[in-house]
Amino acid sequence: MKYEIMTLTKKIVVGKSIITTNKNGKSMRDIGVMWQKFIGEGIYLDVSRKPPPLTRREMNRNGF
């Protein structure tokens, strides 16, 4: 499997989680499965298209 290194600047992804440990010897597989879901379910594209959140100053300027 090829891997891509990504930087998710100011983006938070909620809803996907996994608990893994090196004790069971499956941590690499578990993490790989999560990345496959992250990319395969289109989460990566959704996150990459989302604009960064407004700063506090921008929120005040826009009346939030």
PDB file of N, CA and C in Angstrom:
ATOM      1  N   MET A   1       0.848  -1.173   0.000  1.00  0.00           N
ATOM      2  CA  MET A   1       0.000   0.000   0.000  1.00  0.00           C
ATOM      3  C   MET A   1       0.892   1.233   0.000  1.00  0.00           C
ATOM      4  N   LYS A   2       0.573   2.180  -0.849  1.00  0.00           N
ATOM      5  CA  LYS A   2       1.299   3.445  -0.872  1.00  0.00           C
ATOM      6  C   LYS A   2       0.681   4.386   0.150  1.00  0.00           C
ATOM      7  N   TYR A   3       1.520   5.168   0.784  1.00  0.00           N
ATOM      8  CA  TYR A   3       1.050   6.120   1.783  1.00  0.00           C
ATOM      9  C   TYR A   3       1.353   7.534   1.330  1.00  0.00           C
ATOM     10  N   GLU A   4       0.526   8.449   1.707  1.00  0.00           N
ATOM     11  CA  GLU A   4       0.714   9.866   1.407  1.00  0.00           C
ATOM     12  C   GLU A   4       0.775  10.611   2.728  1.00  0.00           C
ATOM     13  N   ILE A   5       1.777  11.461   2.879  1.00  0.00           N
ATOM     14  CA  ILE A   5       1.888  12.269   4.083  1.00  0.00           C
ATOM     15  C   ILE A   5       1.082  13.534   3.869  1.00  0.00           C
ATOM     16  N   MET A   6       0.187  13.833   4.814  1.00  0.00           N
ATOM     17  CA  MET A   6      -0.681  14.996   4.687  1.00  0.00           C
ATOM     18  C   MET A   6      -0.515  15.881   5.906  1.00  0.00           C
ATOM     19  N   THR A   7      -0.695  17.156   5.708  1.00  0.00           N
ATOM     20  CA  THR A   7      -0.757  18.099   6.809  1.00  0.00           C
ATOM     21  C   THR A   7      -2.165  18.673   6.820  1.00  0.00           C
ATOM     22  N   LEU A   8      -2.887  18.452   7.893  1.00  0.00           N
ATOM     23  CA  LEU A   8      -4.247  18.964   8.015  1.00  0.00           C
ATOM     24  C   LEU A   8      -4.189  20.236   8.844  1.00  0.00           C
ATOM     25  N   THR A   9      -3.940  21.333   8.182  1.00  0.00           N
ATOM     26  CA  THR A   9      -3.803  22.602   8.864  1.00  0.00           C
ATOM     27  C   THR A   9      -5.168  23.114   9.302  1.00  0.00           C
ATOM     28  N   LYS A  10      -5.326  23.342  10.597  1.00  0.00           N
ATOM     29  CA  LYS A  10      -6.540  23.913  11.176  1.00  0.00           C
ATOM     30  C   LYS A  10      -7.800  23.142  10.810  1.00  0.00           C
ATOM     31  N   LYS A  11      -7.692  21.840  10.698  1.00  0.00           N
ATOM     32  CA  LYS A  11      -8.863  21.030  10.393  1.00  0.00           C
ATOM     33  C   LYS A  11      -8.957  19.919  11.430  1.00  0.00           C
ATOM     34  N   ILE A  12     -10.146  19.678  11.900  1.00  0.00           N
ATOM     35  CA  ILE A  12     -10.376  18.641  12.895  1.00  0.00           C
ATOM     36  C   ILE A  12     -11.369  17.644  12.313  1.00  0.00           C
ATOM     37  N   VAL A  13     -11.026  16.388  12.363  1.00  0.00           N
ATOM     38  CA  VAL A  13     -11.903  15.333  11.879  1.00  0.00           C
ATOM     39  C   VAL A  13     -12.469  14.625  13.101  1.00  0.00           C
ATOM     40  N   VAL A  14     -13.783  14.569  13.174  1.00  0.00           N
ATOM     41  CA  VAL A  14     -14.444  13.959  14.319  1.00  0.00           C
ATOM     42  C   VAL A  14     -15.252  12.768  13.831  1.00  0.00           C
ATOM     43  N   GLY A  15     -15.231  11.699  14.591  1.00  0.00           N
ATOM     44  CA  GLY A  15     -16.086  10.569  14.269  1.00  0.00           C
ATOM     45  C   GLY A  15     -15.345   9.289  13.963  1.00  0.00           C
ATOM     46  N   LYS A  16     -14.111   9.365  13.574  1.00  0.00           N
ATOM     47  CA  LYS A  16     -13.329   8.164  13.303  1.00  0.00           C
ATOM     48  C   LYS A  16     -12.357   7.965  14.447  1.00  0.00           C
ATOM     49  N   SER A  17     -12.336   6.779  14.983  1.00  0.00           N
ATOM     50  CA  SER A  17     -11.387   6.512  16.064  1.00  0.00           C
ATOM     51  C   SER A  17     -11.028   5.034  16.070  1.00  0.00           C
ATOM     52  N   ILE A  18      -9.928   4.749  16.705  1.00  0.00           N
ATOM     53  CA  ILE A  18      -9.481   3.373  16.852  1.00  0.00           C
ATOM     54  C   ILE A  18      -8.644   3.295  18.121  1.00  0.00           C
ATOM     55  N   ILE A  19      -8.750   2.185  18.795  1.00  0.00           N
ATOM     56  CA  ILE A  19      -7.888   1.927  19.945  1.00  0.00           C
ATOM     57  C   ILE A  19      -6.995   0.766  19.545  1.00  0.00           C
ATOM     58  N   THR A  20      -5.707   0.976  19.607  1.00  0.00           N
ATOM     59  CA  THR A  20      -4.768  -0.067  19.219  1.00  0.00           C
ATOM     60  C   THR A  20      -3.574  -0.041  20.159  1.00  0.00           C
ATOM     61  N   THR A  21      -2.808  -1.083  20.106  1.00  0.00           N
ATOM     62  CA  THR A  21      -1.622  -1.183  20.950  1.00  0.00           C
ATOM     63  C   THR A  21      -0.574  -2.016  20.232  1.00  0.00           C
ATOM     64  N   ASN A  22       0.656  -1.777  20.538  1.00  0.00           N
ATOM     65  CA  ASN A  22       1.730  -2.590  19.965  1.00  0.00           C
ATOM     66  C   ASN A  22       1.797  -3.967  20.614  1.00  0.00           C
ATOM     67  N   LYS A  23       1.125  -4.152  21.742  1.00  0.00           N
ATOM     68  CA  LYS A  23       1.168  -5.432  22.450  1.00  0.00           C
ATOM     69  C   LYS A  23       0.556  -6.562  21.630  1.00  0.00           C
ATOM     70  N   ASN A  24      -0.488  -6.258  20.856  1.00  0.00           N
ATOM     71  CA  ASN A  24      -1.139  -7.319  20.089  1.00  0.00           C
ATOM     72  C   ASN A  24      -0.503  -7.529  18.714  1.00  0.00           C
ATOM     73  N   GLY A  25       0.464  -6.698  18.351  1.00  0.00           N
ATOM     74  CA  GLY A  25       1.147  -6.852  17.071  1.00  0.00           C
ATOM     75  C   GLY A  25       0.317  -6.448  15.867  1.00  0.00           C
ATOM     76  N   LYS A  26      -0.812  -5.812  16.089  1.00  0.00           N
ATOM     77  CA  LYS A  26      -1.707  -5.455  14.986  1.00  0.00           C
ATOM     78  C   LYS A  26      -1.843  -3.952  14.795  1.00  0.00           C
ATOM     79  N   SER A  27      -1.023  -3.166  15.458  1.00  0.00           N
ATOM     80  CA  SER A  27      -1.195  -1.713  15.382  1.00  0.00           C
ATOM     81  C   SER A  27      -0.998  -1.190  13.963  1.00  0.00           C
ATOM     82  N   MET A  28      -0.019  -1.707  13.237  1.00  0.00           N
ATOM     83  CA  MET A  28       0.204  -1.241  11.857  1.00  0.00           C
ATOM     84  C   MET A  28      -1.008  -1.567  10.987  1.00  0.00           C
ATOM     85  N   ARG A  29      -1.571  -2.761  11.156  1.00  0.00           N
ATOM     86  CA  ARG A  29      -2.753  -3.140  10.385  1.00  0.00           C
ATOM     87  C   ARG A  29      -3.931  -2.249  10.754  1.00  0.00           C
ATOM     88  N   ASP A  30      -4.125  -2.023  12.056  1.00  0.00           N
ATOM     89  CA  ASP A  30      -5.237  -1.193  12.521  1.00  0.00           C
ATOM     90  C   ASP A  30      -5.148   0.222  11.951  1.00  0.00           C
ATOM     91  N   ILE A  31      -3.961   0.801  12.000  1.00  0.00           N
ATOM     92  CA  ILE A  31      -3.767   2.159  11.478  1.00  0.00           C
ATOM     93  C   ILE A  31      -3.975   2.178   9.969  1.00  0.00           C
ATOM     94  N   GLY A  32      -3.500   1.158   9.278  1.00  0.00           N
ATOM     95  CA  GLY A  32      -3.709   1.064   7.832  1.00  0.00           C
ATOM     96  C   GLY A  32      -5.180   0.991   7.465  1.00  0.00           C
ATOM     97  N   VAL A  33      -5.946   0.223   8.237  1.00  0.00           N
ATOM     98  CA  VAL A  33      -7.394   0.117   8.006  1.00  0.00           C
ATOM     99  C   VAL A  33      -8.060   1.478   8.186  1.00  0.00           C
ATOM    100  N   MET A  34      -7.655   2.218   9.206  1.00  0.00           N
ATOM    101  CA  MET A  34      -8.241   3.547   9.425  1.00  0.00           C
ATOM    102  C   MET A  34      -7.924   4.487   8.265  1.00  0.00           C
ATOM    103  N   TRP A  35      -6.682   4.458   7.768  1.00  0.00           N
ATOM    104  CA  TRP A  35      -6.332   5.308   6.625  1.00  0.00           C
ATOM    105  C   TRP A  35      -7.139   4.917   5.395  1.00  0.00           C
ATOM    106  N   GLN A  36      -7.331   3.605   5.181  1.00  0.00           N
ATOM    107  CA  GLN A  36      -8.137   3.160   4.041  1.00  0.00           C
ATOM    108  C   GLN A  36      -9.560   3.701   4.151  1.00  0.00           C
ATOM    109  N   LYS A  37     -10.136   3.666   5.351  1.00  0.00           N
ATOM    110  CA  LYS A  37     -11.480   4.210   5.553  1.00  0.00           C
ATOM    111  C   LYS A  37     -11.484   5.723   5.353  1.00  0.00           C
ATOM    112  N   PHE A  38     -10.471   6.389   5.887  1.00  0.00           N
ATOM    113  CA  PHE A  38     -10.363   7.844   5.789  1.00  0.00           C
ATOM    114  C   PHE A  38     -10.358   8.287   4.331  1.00  0.00           C
ATOM    115  N   ILE A  39      -9.613   7.577   3.508  1.00  0.00           N
ATOM    116  CA  ILE A  39      -9.530   7.932   2.088  1.00  0.00           C
ATOM    117  C   ILE A  39     -10.699   7.325   1.315  1.00  0.00           C
ATOM    118  N   GLY A  40     -11.002   6.052   1.564  1.00  0.00           N
ATOM    119  CA  GLY A  40     -12.031   5.340   0.813  1.00  0.00           C
ATOM    120  C   GLY A  40     -13.430   5.899   0.989  1.00  0.00           C
ATOM    121  N   GLU A  41     -13.739   6.424   2.161  1.00  0.00           N
ATOM    122  CA  GLU A  41     -15.072   6.979   2.418  1.00  0.00           C
ATOM    123  C   GLU A  41     -15.175   8.448   2.031  1.00  0.00           C
ATOM    124  N   GLY A  42     -14.116   8.988   1.434  1.00  0.00           N
ATOM    125  CA  GLY A  42     -14.162  10.369   0.955  1.00  0.00           C
ATOM    126  C   GLY A  42     -13.927  11.419   2.024  1.00  0.00           C
ATOM    127  N   ILE A  43     -13.525  10.999   3.214  1.00  0.00           N
ATOM    128  CA  ILE A  43     -13.305  11.964   4.291  1.00  0.00           C
ATOM    129  C   ILE A  43     -12.146  12.885   3.940  1.00  0.00           C
ATOM    130  N   TYR A  44     -11.081  12.325   3.367  1.00  0.00           N
ATOM    131  CA  TYR A  44      -9.922  13.133   2.981  1.00  0.00           C
ATOM    132  C   TYR A  44     -10.325  14.261   2.036  1.00  0.00           C
ATOM    133  N   LEU A  45     -11.125  13.941   1.018  1.00  0.00           N
ATOM    134  CA  LEU A  45     -11.550  14.976   0.063  1.00  0.00           C
ATOM    135  C   LEU A  45     -12.417  16.027   0.735  1.00  0.00           C
ATOM    136  N   ASP A  46     -13.331  15.595   1.598  1.00  0.00           N
ATOM    137  CA  ASP A  46     -14.179  16.556   2.306  1.00  0.00           C
ATOM    138  C   ASP A  46     -13.350  17.511   3.151  1.00  0.00           C
ATOM    139  N   VAL A  47     -12.361  16.968   3.861  1.00  0.00           N
ATOM    140  CA  VAL A  47     -11.522  17.791   4.729  1.00  0.00           C
ATOM    141  C   VAL A  47     -10.658  18.729   3.901  1.00  0.00           C
ATOM    142  N   SER A  48     -10.095  18.228   2.804  1.00  0.00           N
ATOM    143  CA  SER A  48      -9.196  19.059   2.000  1.00  0.00           C
ATOM    144  C   SER A  48      -9.933  20.206   1.310  1.00  0.00           C
ATOM    145  N   ARG A  49     -11.236  20.053   1.074  1.00  0.00           N
ATOM    146  CA  ARG A  49     -12.016  21.111   0.409  1.00  0.00           C
ATOM    147  C   ARG A  49     -12.588  22.131   1.387  1.00  0.00           C
ATOM    148  N   LYS A  50     -12.625  21.782   2.654  1.00  0.00           N
ATOM    149  CA  LYS A  50     -13.241  22.662   3.649  1.00  0.00           C
ATOM    150  C   LYS A  50     -12.317  23.830   3.959  1.00  0.00           C
ATOM    151  N   PRO A  51     -12.836  25.048   3.943  1.00  0.00           N
ATOM    152  CA  PRO A  51     -11.985  26.201   4.273  1.00  0.00           C
ATOM    153  C   PRO A  51     -11.619  26.188   5.755  1.00  0.00           C
ATOM    154  N   PRO A  52     -10.505  26.816   6.103  1.00  0.00           N
ATOM    155  CA  PRO A  52     -10.131  26.871   7.518  1.00  0.00           C
ATOM    156  C   PRO A  52     -11.169  27.654   8.318  1.00  0.00           C
ATOM    157  N   PRO A  53     -11.273  27.374   9.614  1.00  0.00           N
ATOM    158  CA  PRO A  53     -12.249  28.102  10.433  1.00  0.00           C
ATOM    159  C   PRO A  53     -11.890  29.581  10.531  1.00  0.00           C
ATOM    160  N   LEU A  54     -12.899  30.393  10.782  1.00  0.00           N
ATOM    161  CA  LEU A  54     -12.668  31.826  10.945  1.00  0.00           C
ATOM    162  C   LEU A  54     -11.881  32.093  12.225  1.00  0.00           C
ATOM    163  N   THR A  55     -11.034  33.092  12.169  1.00  0.00           N
ATOM    164  CA  THR A  55     -10.344  33.522  13.384  1.00  0.00           C
ATOM    165  C   THR A  55     -11.337  34.299  14.240  1.00  0.00           C
ATOM    166  N   ARG A  56     -10.983  34.521  15.487  1.00  0.00           N
ATOM    167  CA  ARG A  56     -11.856  35.288  16.381  1.00  0.00           C
ATOM    168  C   ARG A  56     -12.097  36.688  15.811  1.00  0.00           C
ATOM    169  N   ARG A  57     -11.064  37.294  15.242  1.00  0.00           N
ATOM    170  CA  ARG A  57     -11.199  38.631  14.652  1.00  0.00           C
ATOM    171  C   ARG A  57     -12.177  38.605  13.475  1.00  0.00           C
ATOM    172  N   GLU A  58     -12.066  37.588  12.617  1.00  0.00           N
ATOM    173  CA  GLU A  58     -12.980  37.481  11.475  1.00  0.00           C
ATOM    174  C   GLU A  58     -14.419  37.259  11.945  1.00  0.00           C
ATOM    175  N   MET A  59     -14.585  36.465  12.989  1.00  0.00           N
ATOM    176  CA  MET A  59     -15.929  36.231  13.519  1.00  0.00           C
ATOM    177  C   MET A  59     -16.534  37.524  14.042  1.00  0.00           C
ATOM    178  N   ASN A  60     -15.753  38.310  14.774  1.00  0.00           N
ATOM    179  CA  ASN A  60     -16.244  39.589  15.289  1.00  0.00           C
ATOM    180  C   ASN A  60     -16.589  40.537  14.145  1.00  0.00           C
ATOM    181  N   ARG A  61     -15.747  40.561  13.132  1.00  0.00           N
ATOM    182  CA  ARG A  61     -15.970  41.433  11.986  1.00  0.00           C
ATOM    183  C   ARG A  61     -17.240  41.038  11.230  1.00  0.00           C
ATOM    184  N   ASN A  62     -17.550  39.734  11.209  1.00  0.00           N
ATOM    185  CA  ASN A  62     -18.723  39.244  10.487  1.00  0.00           C
ATOM    186  C   ASN A  62     -19.969  39.172  11.360  1.00  0.00           C
ATOM    187  N   GLY A  63     -19.886  39.673  12.586  1.00  0.00           N
ATOM    188  CA  GLY A  63     -21.056  39.738  13.447  1.00  0.00           C
ATOM    189  C   GLY A  63     -21.400  38.455  14.175  1.00  0.00           C
ATOM    190  N   PHE A  64     -20.449  37.556  14.321  1.00  0.00           N
ATOM    191  CA  PHE A  64     -20.712  36.307  15.054  1.00  0.00           C
ATOM    192  C   PHE A  64     -20.462  36.495  16.515  1.00  0.00           C
TER     193      PHE A  64
END
